[in-house]
Protein backbone atom coordinates (compact mmCIF):
# COMPACT_ATOMS: atom_id res chain seq x y z
CA MET A 1 101.67 10.35 277.86
CA PHE A 2 102.74 7.13 280.34
CA VAL A 3 105.63 8.78 280.12
CA THR A 4 104.73 12.25 280.97
CA LEU A 5 102.55 11.01 283.74
CA PHE A 6 105.58 8.84 285.05
CA LEU A 7 107.92 11.68 285.18
CA VAL A 8 104.90 14.12 286.92
CA LEU A 9 104.38 11.27 289.65
CA MET A 10 108.54 11.04 289.90
CA GLY A 11 108.66 14.61 290.69
CA TYR A 12 105.64 14.66 292.73
CA ILE A 13 107.57 11.81 294.92
CA VAL A 14 110.73 13.61 294.74
CA TYR A 15 109.00 17.05 295.76
CA PHE A 16 106.83 14.78 298.74
CA ASN A 17 109.98 13.81 300.20
CA VAL A 18 112.34 16.85 300.01
CA VAL A 19 110.06 19.68 300.54
CA LYS A 20 106.75 18.42 302.48
CA SER A 21 107.59 15.07 303.96
CA GLU A 22 109.12 16.80 307.17
CA LYS A 23 106.01 19.33 307.55
CA ILE A 24 103.28 16.77 307.19
CA ILE A 25 105.19 14.57 309.76
CA ASN A 26 105.71 17.50 311.93
CA SER A 27 101.60 18.54 311.57
CA PRO A 28 99.68 17.72 315.00
CA TYR A 29 97.14 16.22 312.83
CA ASN A 30 98.85 13.91 311.29
CA THR A 31 98.06 10.74 313.50
CA ARG A 32 100.68 8.46 312.19
CA GLN A 33 103.43 11.12 312.90
CA ASP A 34 104.78 9.24 315.03
CA THR A 35 106.11 6.10 312.15
CA PHE A 36 109.22 6.36 312.92
CA SER A 37 109.09 5.82 316.38
CA ASP A 38 109.26 1.83 315.41
CA ARG A 39 112.70 2.23 314.45
CA VAL A 40 113.67 5.29 316.25
CA VAL A 41 114.44 6.17 319.98
CA ARG A 42 113.20 9.94 320.12
CA GLY A 43 116.24 12.18 320.66
CA SER A 44 116.50 14.79 323.11
CA ILE A 45 115.41 18.77 323.20
CA LEU A 46 118.75 20.71 325.11
CA ASP A 47 119.31 24.26 325.86
CA ARG A 48 121.79 26.31 324.09
CA ASN A 49 124.62 25.29 326.81
CA GLY A 50 123.52 21.07 326.35
CA GLU A 51 121.02 21.43 328.97
CA VAL A 52 118.58 18.66 328.77
CA LEU A 53 115.19 19.93 328.02
CA ALA A 54 113.48 16.99 327.05
CA LYS A 55 115.14 12.99 326.88
CA THR A 56 113.58 9.71 326.23
CA GLU A 57 114.96 7.03 328.88
CA VAL A 58 115.37 3.05 327.75
CA ALA A 59 114.77 0.62 330.63
CA GLU A 60 116.04 -2.58 330.04
CA ASP A 61 112.74 -4.37 329.21
CA GLY A 62 112.83 -1.89 325.81
CA SER A 63 110.40 0.32 326.88
CA GLU A 64 110.64 3.97 326.51
CA MET A 65 109.59 7.29 328.69
CA ARG A 66 109.95 11.04 327.93
CA THR A 67 111.32 12.81 330.86
CA TYR A 68 111.46 16.67 331.14
CA PRO A 69 113.99 17.19 334.20
CA TYR A 70 112.96 20.83 334.33
CA GLY A 71 109.00 20.24 334.73
CA GLU A 72 106.79 22.76 334.51
CA VAL A 73 109.69 25.67 334.00
CA PHE A 74 109.50 24.95 329.65
CA ALA A 75 106.59 23.52 329.98
CA HIS A 76 104.54 25.39 326.79
CA VAL A 77 107.98 25.74 324.63
CA VAL A 78 109.92 22.45 324.91
CA GLY A 79 105.98 20.98 324.91
CA TYR A 80 104.56 17.24 325.31
CA ASP A 81 104.50 13.84 323.35
CA VAL A 82 101.42 12.64 324.90
CA ASN A 83 97.30 13.11 323.94
CA GLY A 84 98.94 14.35 320.74
CA LYS A 85 102.15 17.10 320.86
CA SER A 86 102.88 20.53 321.18
CA GLY A 87 105.97 23.23 321.12
CA LEU A 88 109.28 21.73 320.13
CA GLU A 89 108.00 18.40 320.34
CA SER A 90 105.78 18.93 317.99
CA ALA A 91 107.71 21.58 315.42
CA GLU A 92 110.69 19.16 315.90
CA ASN A 93 109.15 15.52 315.48
CA PHE A 94 110.48 14.55 312.08
CA ASP A 95 114.22 15.57 313.41
CA LEU A 96 113.45 14.29 316.61
CA LEU A 97 112.78 10.79 314.92
CA THR A 98 115.27 11.09 312.54
CA SER A 99 118.72 9.27 313.21
CA ASN A 100 121.88 10.55 311.88
CA ALA A 101 123.99 7.73 313.78
CA PHE A 102 127.19 6.56 312.19
CA PHE A 103 125.76 4.53 308.81
CA VAL A 104 128.09 1.45 310.11
CA GLU A 105 126.02 1.93 313.93
CA ARG A 106 122.92 2.13 312.00
CA ILE A 107 122.97 -0.55 309.76
CA ILE A 108 124.79 -2.69 312.59
CA LYS A 109 121.56 -1.64 314.67
CA GLU A 110 118.70 -3.00 311.66
CA PHE A 111 120.14 -6.10 311.20
CA GLN A 112 120.09 -6.73 315.27
CA ALA A 113 116.33 -5.09 315.00
CA LYS A 114 117.48 -2.43 318.11
CA LYS A 115 116.31 0.54 317.64
CA ASN A 116 118.54 3.47 316.46
CA THR A 117 119.24 6.83 318.55
CA GLY A 118 117.42 10.40 317.55
CA ASP A 119 118.87 13.39 316.40
CA SER A 120 119.57 16.23 319.17
CA VAL A 121 117.52 19.54 319.04
CA VAL A 122 120.03 21.96 320.18
CA THR A 123 117.22 24.67 320.98
CA THR A 124 118.25 28.98 320.85
CA LEU A 125 116.69 28.36 324.61
CA ASP A 126 118.90 29.32 327.57
CA ALA A 127 117.76 27.48 331.14
CA LYS A 128 119.12 29.95 333.67
CA LEU A 129 116.93 32.99 331.75
CA GLN A 130 114.08 30.87 331.27
CA THR A 131 114.31 29.60 335.21
CA THR A 132 114.65 33.31 336.75
CA ALA A 133 111.56 34.46 334.31
CA TYR A 134 109.36 31.50 335.15
CA ASN A 135 110.84 31.96 339.18
CA ALA A 136 109.97 36.10 338.96
CA LEU A 137 106.14 35.51 337.84
CA GLY A 138 106.13 34.32 340.94
CA ASP A 139 102.28 32.88 341.63
CA GLU A 140 101.38 35.58 338.55
CA LYS A 141 99.24 34.45 335.77
CA GLY A 142 101.05 36.07 332.52
CA ALA A 143 103.84 35.36 330.54
CA VAL A 144 107.35 36.48 328.99
CA VAL A 145 109.77 36.61 326.12
CA VAL A 146 113.71 37.23 325.90
CA MET A 147 115.06 37.36 322.34
CA GLU A 148 118.29 38.55 321.14
CA ALA A 149 117.91 42.22 319.22
CA ASP A 150 120.45 41.19 316.08
CA THR A 151 120.10 37.53 315.61
CA GLY A 152 116.28 36.68 316.29
CA LYS A 153 117.60 33.96 319.09
CA ILE A 154 114.85 33.12 321.52
CA LEU A 155 116.43 32.65 324.85
CA ALA A 156 113.63 32.36 327.26
CA MET A 157 109.17 31.84 326.54
CA VAL A 158 107.38 31.20 329.85
CA SER A 159 103.85 31.10 330.12
CA LYS A 160 102.42 31.11 333.63
CA PRO A 161 100.07 28.94 334.83
CA SER A 162 102.49 26.03 333.51
CA PHE A 163 101.53 22.56 334.31
CA ASP A 164 103.97 19.53 334.48
CA PRO A 165 104.89 17.77 330.82
CA ASN A 166 105.75 14.90 332.92
CA SER A 167 102.00 13.73 334.16
CA VAL A 168 100.37 15.27 331.11
CA GLU A 169 98.65 12.02 330.42
CA ASP A 170 97.84 11.24 333.87
CA ASN A 171 96.21 14.53 333.81
CA TRP A 172 94.71 15.44 330.61
CA GLU A 173 91.08 15.34 331.62
CA TYR A 174 91.94 17.96 334.34
CA LEU A 175 93.75 20.01 332.36
CA ASN A 176 91.55 20.36 329.50
CA ALA A 177 88.50 20.82 332.06
CA ASP A 178 90.29 23.78 333.13
CA ASN A 179 88.81 26.83 332.34
CA GLU A 180 89.55 29.26 334.30
CA GLN A 181 93.56 29.03 335.05
CA SER A 182 93.97 26.98 330.99
CA PRO A 183 97.45 25.51 332.25
CA LEU A 184 97.68 24.59 328.29
CA LEU A 185 97.09 27.46 326.81
CA ASN A 186 100.92 29.12 325.87
CA ARG A 187 99.87 33.02 326.91
CA ALA A 188 103.27 34.26 325.29
CA MET A 189 102.06 33.12 321.72
CA GLN A 190 98.59 32.63 322.03
CA GLY A 191 97.41 35.00 324.83
CA ALA A 192 95.26 38.47 323.52
CA TYR A 193 95.58 40.85 325.49
CA ALA A 194 94.83 45.15 325.90
CA PRO A 195 98.15 46.57 325.27
CA GLY A 196 97.84 49.53 327.42
CA SER A 197 100.40 52.23 327.41
CA ILE A 198 102.58 50.20 325.75
CA PHE A 199 100.64 50.27 322.21
CA LYS A 200 102.00 53.94 322.17
CA ILE A 201 105.00 52.76 320.37
CA VAL A 202 102.84 52.49 317.35
CA THR A 203 101.38 55.86 317.87
CA ALA A 204 103.88 57.79 318.19
CA LEU A 205 105.04 55.67 315.19
CA GLU A 206 102.07 57.05 312.94
CA TYR A 207 102.30 60.87 314.38
CA ILE A 208 106.38 60.95 313.67
CA ARG A 209 105.30 59.29 309.90
CA GLU A 210 102.88 62.03 309.52
CA GLN A 211 104.42 64.71 311.23
CA PRO A 212 107.56 65.52 309.63
CA ALA A 213 107.67 68.74 312.72
CA TYR A 214 106.66 66.12 315.03
CA GLY A 215 109.75 67.83 317.11
CA ALA A 216 107.31 70.57 317.60
CA TYR A 217 104.64 68.83 319.04
CA THR A 218 103.14 70.33 321.89
CA TYR A 219 100.37 70.06 324.39
CA ASP A 220 99.45 71.16 327.72
CA CYS A 221 98.20 68.38 330.18
CA TYR A 222 95.56 68.95 332.86
CA GLY A 223 95.20 65.32 333.76
CA GLU A 224 92.53 64.67 331.98
CA ILE A 225 91.00 65.35 328.29
CA THR A 226 87.24 65.31 326.97
CA TYR A 227 86.78 65.77 323.49
CA ASP A 228 83.21 65.14 321.75
CA GLY A 229 81.65 64.05 325.25
CA THR A 230 84.09 61.46 326.34
CA THR A 231 86.46 61.72 328.92
CA ILE A 232 90.47 60.39 328.56
CA PRO A 233 92.26 60.00 332.20
CA CYS A 234 95.61 60.20 333.06
CA PHE A 235 97.09 57.54 335.28
CA ASN A 236 95.66 58.70 338.93
CA HIS A 237 94.34 62.17 336.90
CA ILE A 238 98.22 63.20 337.14
CA ALA A 239 98.45 66.75 335.80
CA HIS A 240 101.65 66.00 333.57
CA GLY A 241 102.25 70.21 332.37
CA PHE A 242 103.67 70.62 329.33
CA GLN A 243 104.50 68.55 327.24
CA ASP A 244 106.29 67.90 324.14
CA LEU A 245 105.85 64.44 321.73
CA ASN A 246 109.75 62.80 324.17
CA THR A 247 108.22 63.78 327.60
CA SER A 248 104.31 62.58 327.00
CA PHE A 249 105.59 59.01 325.97
CA ALA A 250 108.65 58.94 328.80
CA ASN A 251 105.38 60.17 331.24
CA SER A 252 103.06 57.56 329.73
CA CYS A 253 100.49 60.86 329.12
CA ASN A 254 96.88 59.42 327.85
CA SER A 255 95.71 62.56 327.40
CA SER A 256 98.49 63.73 325.55
CA PHE A 257 98.06 60.41 322.80
CA ALA A 258 94.28 60.82 323.05
CA ASN A 259 94.51 64.14 321.71
CA ILE A 260 97.59 62.74 318.94
CA GLY A 261 95.14 60.14 318.28
CA LEU A 262 92.25 62.73 317.67
CA SER A 263 94.79 64.02 314.44
CA LEU A 264 96.02 60.68 312.86
CA ASP A 265 95.10 59.91 309.60
CA ARG A 266 92.98 56.15 310.40
CA LYS A 267 94.42 55.12 307.08
CA SER A 268 97.80 55.63 307.04
CA TYR A 269 97.12 54.65 310.88
CA ALA A 270 96.06 51.05 309.75
CA LYS A 271 98.47 50.76 307.02
CA THR A 272 101.50 51.59 309.65
CA CYS A 273 100.10 48.33 312.04
CA LYS A 274 99.49 46.12 309.63
CA GLN A 275 103.56 46.93 308.60
CA LEU A 276 104.10 46.07 312.11
CA LEU A 277 102.32 42.58 311.23
CA PHE A 278 98.98 42.97 312.85
CA ASN A 279 96.03 41.40 311.28
CA SER A 280 98.70 39.72 310.06
CA LYS A 281 100.62 35.98 309.67
CA LEU A 282 103.38 36.05 312.26
CA PRO A 283 107.12 34.13 312.17
CA SER A 284 107.17 31.47 313.91
CA VAL A 285 106.75 27.68 313.95
CA LEU A 286 104.77 27.35 317.48
CA ASP A 287 101.10 27.91 317.14
CA TYR A 288 100.01 31.78 317.93
CA ARG A 289 97.05 33.52 317.59
CA LYS A 290 97.23 37.32 315.23
CA SER A 291 96.97 40.83 316.73
CA ASP A 292 93.54 42.43 316.29
CA PHE A 293 93.84 46.48 314.88
CA SER A 294 90.10 46.97 313.91
CA LEU A 295 90.21 51.06 313.73
CA GLU A 296 88.59 52.32 310.97
CA GLU A 297 87.80 55.66 308.74
CA THR A 298 84.19 55.28 310.45
CA SER A 299 85.44 54.71 313.80
CA THR A 300 84.21 57.34 316.71
CA SER A 301 86.62 59.96 318.03
CA ALA A 302 86.06 57.94 321.55
CA GLU A 303 87.09 54.50 319.82
CA VAL A 304 90.29 56.77 317.77
CA MET A 305 91.26 58.41 321.33
CA MET A 306 91.40 54.41 323.38
CA THR A 307 92.91 53.17 320.90
CA ALA A 308 96.12 55.75 320.32
CA MET A 309 97.10 55.22 324.34
CA GLY A 310 96.52 51.92 323.82
CA GLN A 311 92.74 50.58 325.47
CA GLY A 312 89.80 50.32 322.46
CA ASP A 313 89.78 46.98 320.81
CA THR A 314 93.41 46.69 320.01
CA GLN A 315 94.65 43.17 321.04
CA VAL A 316 98.56 41.81 320.94
CA SER A 317 100.50 38.98 322.37
CA PRO A 318 103.85 39.26 324.54
CA TYR A 319 105.28 37.52 321.15
CA HIS A 320 104.02 39.80 318.75
CA MET A 321 105.25 42.64 320.96
CA ALA A 322 108.99 41.36 321.71
CA LEU A 323 109.02 41.33 317.28
CA ILE A 324 107.92 44.98 317.49
CA THR A 325 110.47 46.23 320.54
CA SER A 326 112.96 44.05 318.74
CA ALA A 327 112.92 45.40 315.26
CA VAL A 328 113.08 49.37 317.19
CA ALA A 329 116.49 47.87 319.16
CA ASN A 330 117.44 46.44 315.51
CA GLY A 331 117.60 49.47 313.48
CA GLY A 332 114.21 48.80 311.99
CA LYS A 333 115.08 45.10 310.64
CA LEU A 334 112.82 42.29 312.51
CA MET A 335 115.74 39.28 312.43
CA LYS A 336 113.31 36.15 312.03
CA PRO A 337 112.90 34.36 315.51
CA TYR A 338 114.03 31.10 315.76
CA LEU A 339 113.96 28.50 318.57
CA VAL A 340 116.26 25.76 317.09
CA SER A 341 120.09 26.42 316.56
CA GLU A 342 121.41 23.57 315.25
CA VAL A 343 120.44 19.47 314.82
CA THR A 344 122.99 16.98 315.87
CA ASN A 345 123.26 13.56 315.89
CA TYR A 346 123.06 12.12 319.22
CA THR A 347 126.46 12.12 319.70
CA GLY A 348 126.91 16.19 318.78
CA THR A 349 127.68 16.00 315.60
CA PRO A 350 126.14 18.77 313.61
CA VAL A 351 123.36 17.93 310.81
CA LYS A 352 122.11 21.02 310.01
CA LYS A 353 122.38 24.83 311.55
CA ASN A 354 119.86 27.77 311.50
CA LYS A 355 121.58 31.23 311.15
CA PRO A 356 120.02 34.67 311.46
CA SER A 357 118.44 35.88 308.68
CA VAL A 358 116.00 39.59 307.79
CA TYR A 359 112.41 38.76 308.09
CA LYS A 360 110.88 42.16 306.99
CA GLU A 361 112.21 45.85 307.84
CA LEU A 362 109.22 47.33 310.05
CA MET A 363 110.21 50.90 309.82
CA THR A 364 113.52 53.01 308.66
CA ALA A 365 116.63 53.48 310.62
CA GLU A 366 115.52 57.05 311.51
CA GLU A 367 112.44 55.90 312.93
CA ALA A 368 113.66 52.91 315.19
CA SER A 369 116.42 55.25 316.52
CA ILE A 370 113.89 58.33 317.28
CA LEU A 371 111.21 55.70 319.17
CA THR A 372 114.73 54.33 321.38
CA GLN A 373 115.66 57.90 322.01
CA TYR A 374 111.75 58.10 323.15
CA MET A 375 111.98 54.06 325.08
CA THR A 376 115.44 55.29 326.70
CA SER A 377 113.86 58.83 327.92
CA VAL A 378 110.94 56.01 329.76
CA VAL A 379 114.17 54.46 331.85
CA THR A 380 116.48 58.25 332.19
CA GLN A 381 113.05 60.21 333.38
CA GLY A 382 109.95 58.57 332.75
CA THR A 383 107.43 55.39 334.34
CA GLY A 384 110.30 53.20 333.96
CA MET A 385 113.22 54.41 336.62
CA GLU A 386 112.78 51.84 338.74
CA LEU A 387 115.52 49.84 335.44
CA SER A 388 117.57 53.07 335.46
CA GLY A 389 120.89 52.97 337.43
CA GLU A 390 122.19 49.58 336.23
CA SER A 391 125.73 49.34 334.71
CA TYR A 392 123.55 47.83 331.78
CA SER A 393 121.05 51.05 329.97
CA VAL A 394 117.76 49.87 329.15
CA ALA A 395 115.26 51.33 326.72
CA GLY A 396 111.53 50.69 327.31
CA LYS A 397 107.63 51.19 327.65
CA THR A 398 105.89 50.79 330.32
CA GLY A 399 102.05 49.76 329.94
CA THR A 400 98.43 49.59 332.08
CA ALA A 401 96.10 47.95 330.62
CA GLU A 402 92.36 48.53 332.08
CA TYR A 403 90.02 45.49 331.66
CA GLY A 404 86.59 44.05 333.04
CA SER A 405 84.79 47.15 335.47
CA ASP A 406 85.86 46.36 338.58
CA GLY A 407 89.37 48.54 338.25
CA GLN A 408 91.27 45.42 337.15
CA SER A 409 94.57 45.49 334.78
CA HIS A 410 97.33 43.98 333.10
CA SER A 411 100.73 45.30 333.97
CA TRP A 412 103.76 45.54 330.29
CA PHE A 413 106.89 46.05 330.19
CA VAL A 414 108.85 45.98 326.61
CA GLY A 415 111.93 46.91 326.27
CA PHE A 416 115.62 46.19 325.42
CA THR A 417 119.47 46.32 327.06
CA ASN A 418 122.45 47.88 325.87
CA VAL A 419 120.79 50.44 323.95
CA GLU A 420 123.79 51.81 322.08
CA ASP A 421 124.96 48.09 320.84
CA PRO A 422 121.25 46.59 321.56
CA GLU A 423 121.40 42.93 323.33
CA LEU A 424 118.64 41.18 325.15
CA VAL A 425 115.05 42.57 324.04
CA VAL A 426 112.15 41.73 327.26
CA SER A 427 108.62 41.28 326.57
CA VAL A 428 106.55 40.55 330.14
CA ILE A 429 102.81 40.53 331.15
CA VAL A 430 101.56 40.20 334.60
CA GLU A 431 97.73 39.24 334.66
CA GLY A 432 95.35 40.80 336.91
CA ASN A 433 97.29 43.77 338.86
CA GLU A 434 96.18 46.37 340.93
CA MET A 435 96.27 49.55 338.83
CA GLN A 436 99.93 50.89 339.07
CA THR A 437 102.43 52.20 336.13
CA GLY A 438 104.14 49.20 335.30
CA GLY A 439 102.94 47.09 337.88
CA ARG A 440 104.67 43.63 338.47
CA ALA A 441 106.01 43.75 335.28
CA ILE A 442 108.94 45.96 336.24
CA PRO A 443 110.24 43.81 338.69
CA VAL A 444 110.49 40.66 336.20
CA ALA A 445 111.59 42.32 333.71
CA LYS A 446 114.96 43.66 336.00
CA ALA A 447 115.20 39.88 337.57
CA ILE A 448 116.19 38.74 333.92
CA MET A 449 118.10 41.59 332.76
CA ASN A 450 120.31 41.08 336.06
CA ALA A 451 120.39 37.41 335.71
CA TYR A 452 121.38 37.80 331.75
CA TYR A 453 124.32 40.66 333.25
CA TYR A 454 125.61 39.75 336.72
CA GLU A 455 124.84 36.01 337.03
């Protein structure tokens, strides 16, 4: 019995150190997560081109100060290191406080009672695209997520309003008390928004799955649809006329999609949403909010129509919509999204690397191809024509999500570039715009795409 207990104890110790220790040290709830800081100077966080996003400056007297050269631009994704931790400062705490410097150097410093230098975390983030997205949002509230479709690398993640991580400790009470602006909230990951017409990607997918003859769908739009006493208008009550499924999608015809919604099997609809990660765990190292899809078999026809065109009680984050769009661009397969490319020691010698991997198949390649065709039509002949005419091609979906009772709306765009061989996935929300299709989201997306291809 003694031998058995001893072996179990040793097995747990090995398991803890190899498997669990990093997660526990990275946890923001671990009050002792900075134990290693007594022996290690916190490492740097870099963008994919070596630009410094966070570093520790050591004064002559040995005092340390964590600095963030880009200030507010990377605040939510890189995070902060005082009053707890957030962002990558929390998620990568173990690596930042681990030194893989040359072992002789480490031994010498230990004997000299000097701190070793922690490892550097090289992210997938691109400072140029991040800065472009931040500037393109201007003074608006909103968020941007930019990814590579075929790898899952996250190239940019912006949330506004932002804050300066260099002065978090001094402004802590103010930042926590500001419920109107919520500057500490990472809207890209934790925002909960009605999707508006970008949800028509999901509704179209469900209709395609239920109707083998989806190509024969027709609808004559008179600017609104009335059913069971509920009237759903199209944007500005525009009568789109004769529509098939492709033109319904390209013109973002609310009446047509409300009509489609009434024909759907609600149980199957919910199953498709579950497959697209609604009400589910999302792949992420950062804190996020699950997206909600609440339509049930007992839901009213009004709720069904509203849900099908992106209103109702459905809520989603910009990050989640980037994942769905990425799967469409990548032939139905969602690559596991990641923010850290590699960890190196402070001299740049690689310690470990992350490689692209498939997370889950959200749809078939055929379904992704059909949706790509529809999303391309949005740009070539529909509500996203502002993105046409460039040297790069774009497939996407615009959205206007109404909220409140005073006609305010959020502006959405999700899409990807280089349609034949998809590259850049972009998800943008701009809060509180006046009612206009695409609104401020399209110019933000276009600025990012232009920076990627032209600058």
